[in-house]
Amino acid sequence: MNKNPSVYILASKKNGTLYIGVTSSLIQRVWQHKNKQVAGFTEKYNVSTLVYFEQHETMGTAITREKQLKKWNRDWKINLIEENNPQWEDLWEQIQ
């Protein structure tokens, strides 16, 4: 199985509820969120639009970045998304 450590941000809608996660398989993990295969926060709040992601060389650096982003305030997170994806488009098609 091809491992691609990634940090990702899902949103319920533009400026909506955000979720930050880390995974070794971005395609598989986002598919799970979109198909409500992940019980918990994203399922409860219908958070399944991939609005930002970044890939890392190692899982360690991805986890460090995830922890950093989770500590950011909401405005910083929104700015990060809008710098890279100003229309808050679903990036799902780009990663398949």
Protein backbone atom coordinates (compact mmCIF):
# COMPACT_ATOMS: atom_id res chain seq x y z
CA MET A 1 0.00 0.00 0.00
CA ASN A 2 1.34 3.42 -0.97
CA LYS A 3 1.85 5.64 2.09
CA ASN A 4 1.53 9.40 1.63
CA PRO A 5 1.47 11.14 5.02
CA SER A 6 -0.91 14.07 4.76
CA VAL A 7 -2.60 16.71 6.86
CA TYR A 8 -6.04 17.74 5.69
CA ILE A 9 -8.85 20.13 6.51
CA LEU A 10 -12.48 19.26 5.89
CA ALA A 11 -15.33 21.77 6.05
CA SER A 12 -19.10 21.53 6.25
CA LYS A 13 -19.40 24.56 3.92
CA LYS A 14 -17.58 27.84 3.26
CA ASN A 15 -16.73 29.36 6.66
CA GLY A 16 -18.49 26.42 8.29
CA THR A 17 -17.38 23.78 10.74
CA LEU A 18 -13.76 22.69 10.26
CA TYR A 19 -12.00 19.42 10.98
CA ILE A 20 -8.24 18.87 10.85
CA GLY A 21 -6.87 15.37 10.47
CA VAL A 22 -3.74 13.41 9.60
CA THR A 23 -3.50 10.19 7.61
CA SER A 24 -1.12 7.97 5.70
CA SER A 25 -3.69 7.48 2.92
CA LEU A 26 -5.49 10.71 2.01
CA ILE A 27 -7.72 9.22 -0.69
CA GLN A 28 -8.92 6.42 1.56
CA ARG A 29 -9.47 8.66 4.57
CA VAL A 30 -11.40 11.37 2.70
CA TRP A 31 -13.54 8.69 1.05
CA GLN A 32 -14.33 7.33 4.52
CA HIS A 33 -15.39 10.80 5.72
CA LYS A 34 -17.52 11.41 2.61
CA ASN A 35 -19.26 8.06 2.99
CA LYS A 36 -19.86 8.46 6.73
CA GLN A 37 -17.54 5.55 7.54
CA VAL A 38 -15.88 7.56 10.33
CA ALA A 39 -18.06 7.76 13.42
CA GLY A 40 -17.76 10.90 15.48
CA PHE A 41 -17.30 14.59 14.83
CA THR A 42 -17.30 14.64 11.01
CA GLU A 43 -20.32 12.38 10.80
CA LYS A 44 -22.25 14.30 13.46
CA TYR A 45 -21.60 17.73 11.91
CA ASN A 46 -21.62 16.63 8.25
CA VAL A 47 -18.03 17.74 7.63
CA SER A 48 -16.85 16.10 4.41
CA THR A 49 -15.63 18.73 1.93
CA LEU A 50 -11.86 18.56 1.44
CA VAL A 51 -10.80 22.22 1.36
CA TYR A 52 -7.07 21.94 2.14
CA PHE A 53 -4.34 19.33 2.30
CA GLU A 54 -0.59 19.13 2.41
CA GLN A 55 1.62 16.11 1.95
CA HIS A 56 4.68 15.32 4.06
CA GLU A 57 7.77 13.17 3.75
CA THR A 58 7.15 11.35 7.03
CA MET A 59 4.24 10.65 9.32
CA GLY A 60 6.17 12.36 12.11
CA THR A 61 6.27 15.69 10.28
CA ALA A 62 2.60 15.32 9.32
CA ILE A 63 1.59 14.73 12.94
CA THR A 64 3.66 17.71 14.09
CA ARG A 65 1.96 19.92 11.50
CA GLU A 66 -1.51 18.62 12.44
CA LYS A 67 -0.88 19.51 16.08
CA GLN A 68 0.36 22.96 15.05
CA LEU A 69 -2.72 23.65 12.92
CA LYS A 70 -5.09 22.48 15.65
CA LYS A 71 -3.60 25.12 17.97
CA TRP A 72 -4.17 27.92 15.46
CA ASN A 73 -7.11 30.24 15.94
CA ARG A 74 -10.02 29.98 13.51
CA ASP A 75 -9.06 33.08 11.50
CA TRP A 76 -5.59 31.67 10.77
CA LYS A 77 -7.12 28.39 9.59
CA ILE A 78 -9.57 30.21 7.32
CA ASN A 79 -6.75 32.33 5.90
CA LEU A 80 -4.71 29.19 5.17
CA ILE A 81 -7.65 27.66 3.31
CA GLU A 82 -8.42 30.83 1.37
CA GLU A 83 -4.78 31.40 0.35
CA ASN A 84 -4.82 28.00 -1.35
CA ASN A 85 -8.49 27.49 -2.16
CA PRO A 86 -10.30 30.87 -2.22
CA GLN A 87 -13.58 29.39 -3.47
CA TRP A 88 -13.55 26.59 -0.88
CA GLU A 89 -13.93 24.05 -3.69
CA ASP A 90 -13.99 20.37 -2.85
CA LEU A 91 -10.48 19.14 -3.66
CA TRP A 92 -11.61 15.51 -3.73
CA GLU A 93 -11.33 15.33 -7.53
CA GLN A 94 -7.72 16.54 -7.38
CA ILE A 95 -6.53 13.70 -5.17
CA GLN A 96 -8.21 10.76 -6.90
